[in-house]
């Protein structure tokens, strides 16, 4: 009864004095009921709960599959309760104060399947004009074929100069880009990307401002294309190509990396091509590669599926 009375007093405090919303108070009550149940199971009063108890209960919640974010919210409620108990002089220290929720696993980067990537790369639509189609096709080929970041792409110039952040050397088959941290790298330009770039450069050369504007990719007014414009054009092009997933520039970079890793298995080469300073950043693509392998196993291996029950089996 003592614990129940404390919880009721605290909930009245947050309801009346802190003026929290009714739904918030309801969620606090649920989280504190969990705390009280854990304490009762451990055979301790709420005022005698120790740091070790809290850590054990966090581990149990994590082991039961609760997300790091969900645990963090529960701990926030518990922490506030013990802070109030401290102000009331009922506990000497807050057992939740230095306890943190487990880190939430980072979501895997989204990548297109190979067929979807090919469908996007091969799509052409002249409704916006051949000029726009040639430009957008070259953008897709560079993002997917070279794994460029969108900032690296829009920073490209037609040719090298003292002020160029990046440029294309079609004769050598290279793209020279300025990546994160001001680091320069060279990326090979494949035959399909080179072909798309030549078509775009031919269309671009017809514009009246072509000789005076250094930017490789521009709008119709002759100014350098922005990252936001590339995002919008890719989203539209993906929809026009019939893809179910909205496409954005980084998705094509992820697709480049995961497809290359699936084919070569060379993590170090993928790291160099992406311009990652640390290989641990690149290792996320091994998880994508494993997902691909797992799906292939499930689809093709005779041991992947549980046998069907024969008629009459129970």
Protein backbone atom coordinates (compact mmCIF):
# COMPACT_ATOMS: atom_id res chain seq x y z
CA UNK A 1 0.00 0.00 0.00
CA UNK A 2 2.92 2.35 0.69
CA UNK A 3 4.19 2.04 -2.89
CA UNK A 4 0.69 2.48 -4.30
CA UNK A 5 0.23 5.63 -2.23
CA UNK A 6 3.55 7.07 -3.45
CA UNK A 7 2.63 6.44 -7.07
CA UNK A 8 -0.76 8.07 -6.60
CA UNK A 9 0.83 11.13 -4.97
CA UNK A 10 3.35 11.47 -7.81
CA UNK A 11 0.71 11.12 -10.52
CA UNK A 12 -1.36 13.77 -8.76
CA UNK A 13 1.75 15.97 -8.72
CA UNK A 14 2.33 15.71 -12.48
CA UNK A 15 -1.38 16.07 -13.19
CA UNK A 16 -2.02 19.14 -11.02
CA UNK A 17 1.28 20.91 -10.42
CA UNK A 18 3.06 20.13 -13.68
CA UNK A 19 -0.20 20.22 -15.64
CA UNK A 20 0.77 17.41 -17.98
CA UNK A 21 -1.75 16.23 -20.57
CA UNK A 22 -4.12 13.45 -19.57
CA UNK A 23 -2.58 11.05 -22.10
CA UNK A 24 0.92 11.77 -20.77
CA UNK A 25 -0.20 11.08 -17.22
CA UNK A 26 -1.81 7.85 -18.40
CA UNK A 27 1.47 6.72 -20.00
CA UNK A 28 3.40 7.66 -16.84
CA UNK A 29 0.98 5.54 -14.83
CA UNK A 30 1.59 2.52 -17.08
CA UNK A 31 5.37 2.90 -16.88
CA UNK A 32 5.29 3.33 -13.10
CA UNK A 33 3.04 0.28 -12.76
CA UNK A 34 5.78 -1.65 -14.58
CA UNK A 35 8.34 -0.25 -12.13
CA UNK A 36 6.21 -1.24 -9.13
CA UNK A 37 5.69 -4.76 -10.51
CA UNK A 38 9.45 -5.18 -11.02
CA UNK A 39 10.14 -3.95 -7.50
CA UNK A 40 7.53 -6.29 -6.00
CA UNK A 41 8.99 -9.22 -7.92
CA UNK A 42 12.46 -8.32 -6.61
CA UNK A 43 11.08 -8.02 -3.06
CA UNK A 44 12.02 -4.36 -2.52
CA UNK A 45 10.05 -1.21 -1.81
CA UNK A 46 10.18 1.51 -4.48
CA UNK A 47 12.22 3.71 -2.12
CA UNK A 48 14.86 0.97 -1.80
CA UNK A 49 15.34 0.28 -5.50
CA UNK A 50 19.04 0.38 -6.45
CA UNK A 51 20.92 1.19 -9.63
CA UNK A 52 21.59 -2.54 -10.17
CA UNK A 53 17.84 -3.25 -10.14
CA UNK A 54 17.20 -0.64 -12.83
CA UNK A 55 19.99 -1.98 -15.02
CA UNK A 56 18.66 -5.52 -14.69
CA UNK A 57 15.16 -4.43 -15.65
CA UNK A 58 16.48 -2.50 -18.65
CA UNK A 59 18.32 -5.62 -19.80
CA UNK A 60 15.15 -7.67 -19.41
CA UNK A 61 13.11 -5.20 -21.47
CA UNK A 62 15.78 -5.13 -24.16
CA UNK A 63 15.95 -8.93 -24.21
CA UNK A 64 12.17 -9.06 -24.60
CA UNK A 65 12.47 -7.03 -27.78
CA UNK A 66 11.51 -3.55 -26.63
CA UNK A 67 13.18 -0.86 -28.73
CA UNK A 68 15.86 1.44 -27.39
CA UNK A 69 13.56 4.41 -27.92
CA UNK A 70 10.75 2.72 -25.96
CA UNK A 71 13.11 1.92 -23.09
CA UNK A 72 14.39 5.50 -23.09
CA UNK A 73 10.84 6.81 -22.66
CA UNK A 74 10.20 4.42 -19.77
CA UNK A 75 13.46 5.43 -18.08
CA UNK A 76 12.54 9.10 -18.46
CA UNK A 77 9.34 8.46 -16.51
CA UNK A 78 11.14 6.48 -13.83
CA UNK A 79 13.85 9.13 -13.57
CA UNK A 80 11.27 11.85 -12.99
CA UNK A 81 9.56 9.79 -10.29
CA UNK A 82 12.82 9.29 -8.34
CA UNK A 83 13.74 12.94 -8.78
CA UNK A 84 10.45 13.81 -7.09
CA UNK A 85 11.11 11.25 -4.32
CA UNK A 86 14.46 12.94 -3.73
CA UNK A 87 12.84 16.35 -3.37
CA UNK A 88 10.39 14.79 -0.91
CA UNK A 89 13.34 13.46 1.10
CA UNK A 90 12.31 9.83 0.55
CA UNK A 91 15.44 8.65 -1.31
CA UNK A 92 19.07 9.68 -0.94
CA UNK A 93 19.96 9.24 -4.60
CA UNK A 94 18.26 8.65 -7.94
CA UNK A 95 18.87 5.00 -9.04
CA UNK A 96 17.92 5.84 -12.64
CA UNK A 97 20.15 8.91 -12.99
CA UNK A 98 23.07 7.36 -14.90
CA UNK A 99 21.16 4.54 -16.64
CA UNK A 100 20.77 4.88 -20.39
CA UNK A 101 18.72 2.88 -22.84
CA UNK A 102 20.52 0.58 -25.30
CA UNK A 103 21.41 2.34 -28.52
CA UNK A 104 18.85 1.97 -31.25
CA UNK A 105 20.19 -0.05 -34.15
CA UNK A 106 20.75 2.13 -37.18
CA UNK A 107 18.34 1.30 -39.98
CA UNK A 108 19.87 -0.22 -43.06
CA UNK A 109 20.27 2.17 -45.98
CA UNK A 110 17.60 1.66 -48.62
CA UNK A 111 18.85 0.39 -51.94
CA UNK A 112 17.06 -0.45 -55.16
CA UNK A 113 17.08 -3.98 -56.46
CA UNK A 114 19.19 -4.52 -59.58
CA UNK A 115 16.14 -4.78 -61.83
CA UNK A 116 14.64 -1.55 -60.46
CA UNK A 117 17.97 0.24 -60.86
CA UNK A 118 18.16 -0.92 -64.49
CA UNK A 119 14.56 0.15 -65.07
CA UNK A 120 15.34 3.63 -63.78
CA UNK A 121 18.59 3.93 -65.74
CA UNK A 122 16.94 2.81 -69.00
CA UNK A 123 13.88 5.03 -68.61
CA UNK A 124 13.49 7.91 -71.05
CA UNK A 125 10.71 10.47 -71.17
CA UNK A 126 10.63 13.30 -73.69
CA UNK A 127 7.54 14.97 -72.20
CA UNK A 128 9.81 17.53 -70.53
CA UNK A 129 11.89 17.85 -73.67
CA UNK A 130 14.96 15.99 -74.96
CA UNK A 131 17.24 18.48 -73.18
CA UNK A 132 15.87 17.65 -69.72
CA UNK A 133 15.75 13.94 -70.47
CA UNK A 134 19.42 13.90 -71.50
CA UNK A 135 20.43 15.81 -68.37
CA UNK A 136 18.43 13.65 -65.97
CA UNK A 137 19.65 10.43 -67.61
CA UNK A 138 23.26 11.56 -67.12
CA UNK A 139 22.49 12.38 -63.47
CA UNK A 140 21.08 8.91 -62.86
CA UNK A 141 24.04 7.24 -64.53
CA UNK A 142 26.58 9.21 -62.47
CA UNK A 143 24.80 8.66 -59.16
CA UNK A 144 24.23 4.95 -59.72
CA UNK A 145 27.27 4.21 -61.88
CA UNK A 146 29.81 6.12 -59.78
CA UNK A 147 28.24 6.21 -56.30
CA UNK A 148 28.53 9.98 -56.02
CA UNK A 149 26.96 12.02 -53.23
CA UNK A 150 24.47 14.59 -54.50
CA UNK A 151 26.74 17.41 -53.27
CA UNK A 152 29.62 15.94 -55.27
CA UNK A 153 27.40 15.63 -58.35
CA UNK A 154 26.14 19.23 -58.38
CA UNK A 155 29.70 20.47 -57.68
CA UNK A 156 31.01 19.02 -60.94
CA UNK A 157 32.23 21.34 -63.69
CA UNK A 158 32.53 20.56 -67.38
CA UNK A 159 36.32 20.81 -67.26
CA UNK A 160 39.15 21.16 -64.77
CA UNK A 161 40.13 24.63 -63.55
CA UNK A 162 41.81 26.28 -60.59
CA UNK A 163 38.42 26.96 -59.01
CA UNK A 164 36.64 23.71 -59.88
CA UNK A 165 35.38 21.59 -56.98
CA UNK A 166 35.14 18.63 -59.32
CA UNK A 167 35.11 17.80 -63.01
CA UNK A 168 34.66 15.03 -65.53
CA UNK A 169 37.53 13.73 -67.69
CA UNK A 170 35.77 11.64 -70.32
CA UNK A 171 38.99 10.93 -72.21
CA UNK A 172 40.50 9.29 -69.12
CA UNK A 173 37.12 7.90 -68.00
CA UNK A 174 37.27 9.51 -64.56
CA UNK A 175 35.17 11.75 -62.36
CA UNK A 176 37.21 13.90 -59.98
CA UNK A 177 35.13 14.98 -56.98
CA UNK A 178 35.49 16.91 -53.76
CA UNK A 179 34.02 14.77 -50.97
CA UNK A 180 33.36 15.19 -47.28
CA UNK A 181 36.09 16.86 -45.28
CA UNK A 182 37.51 18.47 -48.41
CA UNK A 183 38.96 15.14 -49.57
CA UNK A 184 39.40 14.64 -53.27
CA UNK A 185 39.02 11.31 -54.99
CA UNK A 186 38.76 9.96 -58.52
CA UNK A 187 36.03 7.53 -59.52
CA UNK A 188 35.93 5.55 -62.78
CA UNK A 189 33.13 6.49 -65.15
CA UNK A 190 31.62 3.41 -66.81
CA UNK A 191 30.71 3.15 -70.47
CA UNK A 192 26.97 3.73 -69.90
CA UNK A 193 27.63 6.82 -67.78
CA UNK A 194 30.14 8.11 -70.35
CA UNK A 195 27.62 7.59 -73.15
CA UNK A 196 24.91 9.45 -71.19
CA UNK A 197 27.35 12.27 -70.41
CA UNK A 198 28.30 12.71 -74.07
CA UNK A 199 24.64 12.96 -75.04
CA UNK A 200 24.06 15.51 -72.29
CA UNK A 201 27.15 17.56 -73.19
CA UNK A 202 25.94 17.64 -76.81
CA UNK A 203 22.53 18.93 -75.70
CA UNK A 204 24.08 21.35 -73.22
CA UNK A 205 26.36 22.84 -75.90
CA UNK A 206 23.31 24.18 -77.75
CA UNK A 207 22.40 26.50 -74.87
CA UNK A 208 23.38 30.19 -75.32
CA UNK A 209 25.18 30.27 -71.97
CA UNK A 210 27.09 26.98 -72.48
CA UNK A 211 30.51 28.54 -73.00
CA UNK A 212 30.32 30.89 -70.01
CA UNK A 213 28.83 28.55 -67.37
CA UNK A 214 31.31 26.07 -65.84
CA UNK A 215 28.72 23.85 -64.08
CA UNK A 216 28.18 20.44 -65.65
CA UNK A 217 24.54 20.23 -64.60
CA UNK A 218 22.37 23.32 -64.90
CA UNK A 219 18.77 24.34 -65.09
CA UNK A 220 17.25 25.83 -68.23
CA UNK A 221 18.30 29.30 -67.06
CA UNK A 222 21.96 28.29 -67.05
CA UNK A 223 22.56 28.30 -63.29
CA UNK A 224 24.13 25.38 -61.43
CA UNK A 225 21.59 22.74 -60.43
CA UNK A 226 20.92 22.50 -56.68
CA UNK A 227 20.77 19.34 -54.59
CA UNK A 228 17.08 20.02 -53.92
CA UNK A 229 16.39 20.12 -57.67
CA UNK A 230 18.14 16.79 -58.16
CA UNK A 231 16.03 15.24 -55.36
CA UNK A 232 12.83 16.49 -57.01
CA UNK A 233 13.83 15.35 -60.51
CA UNK A 234 14.83 11.88 -59.31
CA UNK A 235 11.60 11.40 -57.40
CA UNK A 236 9.63 12.35 -60.48
CA UNK A 237 11.73 10.18 -62.79
CA UNK A 238 11.32 7.18 -60.48
CA UNK A 239 7.55 7.56 -60.52
CA UNK A 240 7.53 7.93 -64.30
CA UNK A 241 9.66 4.78 -64.58
CA UNK A 242 7.04 2.86 -62.61
CA UNK A 243 9.10 2.21 -59.47
CA UNK A 244 7.11 1.53 -56.31
CA UNK A 245 9.77 3.10 -54.07
CA UNK A 246 10.40 6.87 -54.16
CA UNK A 247 13.95 7.38 -55.42
CA UNK A 248 16.42 9.88 -53.97
CA UNK A 249 20.13 10.52 -54.72
CA UNK A 250 21.53 8.68 -51.69
CA UNK A 251 19.43 5.63 -52.57
CA UNK A 252 21.35 5.40 -55.85
CA UNK A 253 24.64 5.70 -53.96
CA UNK A 254 23.51 2.87 -51.66
CA UNK A 255 22.47 0.84 -54.70
CA UNK A 256 25.87 1.39 -56.33
CA UNK A 257 27.66 0.16 -53.20
CA UNK A 258 25.47 -2.86 -52.45
CA UNK A 259 25.37 -4.08 -56.07
CA UNK A 260 29.12 -3.67 -56.44
CA UNK A 261 29.73 -5.55 -53.21
CA UNK A 262 27.39 -8.35 -54.27
CA UNK A 263 29.35 -8.77 -57.50
CA UNK A 264 32.92 -8.29 -56.27
CA UNK A 265 32.94 -8.97 -52.52
CA UNK A 266 35.75 -6.39 -52.29
CA UNK A 267 34.88 -4.20 -49.30
CA UNK A 268 38.10 -2.16 -49.49
CA UNK A 269 37.46 -1.24 -53.12
CA UNK A 270 33.91 -0.15 -52.29
CA UNK A 271 35.29 1.95 -49.43
CA UNK A 272 37.70 3.72 -51.77
CA UNK A 273 35.07 4.35 -54.43
CA UNK A 274 32.60 5.77 -51.89
CA UNK A 275 35.25 7.92 -50.25
CA UNK A 276 34.63 6.59 -46.74
CA UNK A 277 37.38 7.53 -44.30
CA UNK A 278 36.62 4.51 -42.10
CA UNK A 279 35.79 1.03 -43.36
CA UNK A 280 33.25 0.55 -40.56
CA UNK A 281 31.04 3.03 -42.45
CA UNK A 282 31.24 0.79 -45.52
CA UNK A 283 30.56 -2.39 -43.58
CA UNK A 284 26.85 -1.56 -43.38
CA UNK A 285 26.67 -2.78 -47.00
CA UNK A 286 27.76 -6.24 -45.91
CA UNK A 287 24.46 -6.39 -44.01
CA UNK A 288 22.60 -5.46 -47.18
CA UNK A 289 24.59 -8.10 -49.06
CA UNK A 290 23.68 -10.71 -46.43
CA UNK A 291 20.00 -9.80 -46.82
CA UNK A 292 20.34 -10.37 -50.56
CA UNK A 293 21.99 -13.74 -49.98
CA UNK A 294 19.37 -14.73 -47.43
CA UNK A 295 16.57 -13.94 -49.87
CA UNK A 296 18.31 -15.95 -52.59
CA UNK A 297 18.66 -18.85 -50.16
CA UNK A 298 15.01 -18.70 -49.16
CA UNK A 299 13.93 -18.64 -52.79
CA UNK A 300 16.18 -21.35 -54.16
CA UNK A 301 17.63 -23.72 -51.57
CA UNK A 302 15.73 -27.00 -51.08
CA UNK A 303 16.40 -26.86 -47.32
CA UNK A 304 15.14 -23.30 -46.94
CA UNK A 305 11.46 -24.18 -46.62
CA UNK A 306 9.73 -26.28 -44.05
CA UNK A 307 8.16 -29.37 -45.64
CA UNK A 308 4.46 -29.23 -46.23
CA UNK A 309 2.26 -31.52 -44.20
CA UNK A 310 1.02 -34.56 -46.01
CA UNK A 311 -2.73 -35.02 -46.17
CA UNK A 312 -3.96 -36.67 -43.02
CA UNK A 313 -1.05 -35.38 -40.89
CA UNK A 314 -1.78 -33.52 -37.72
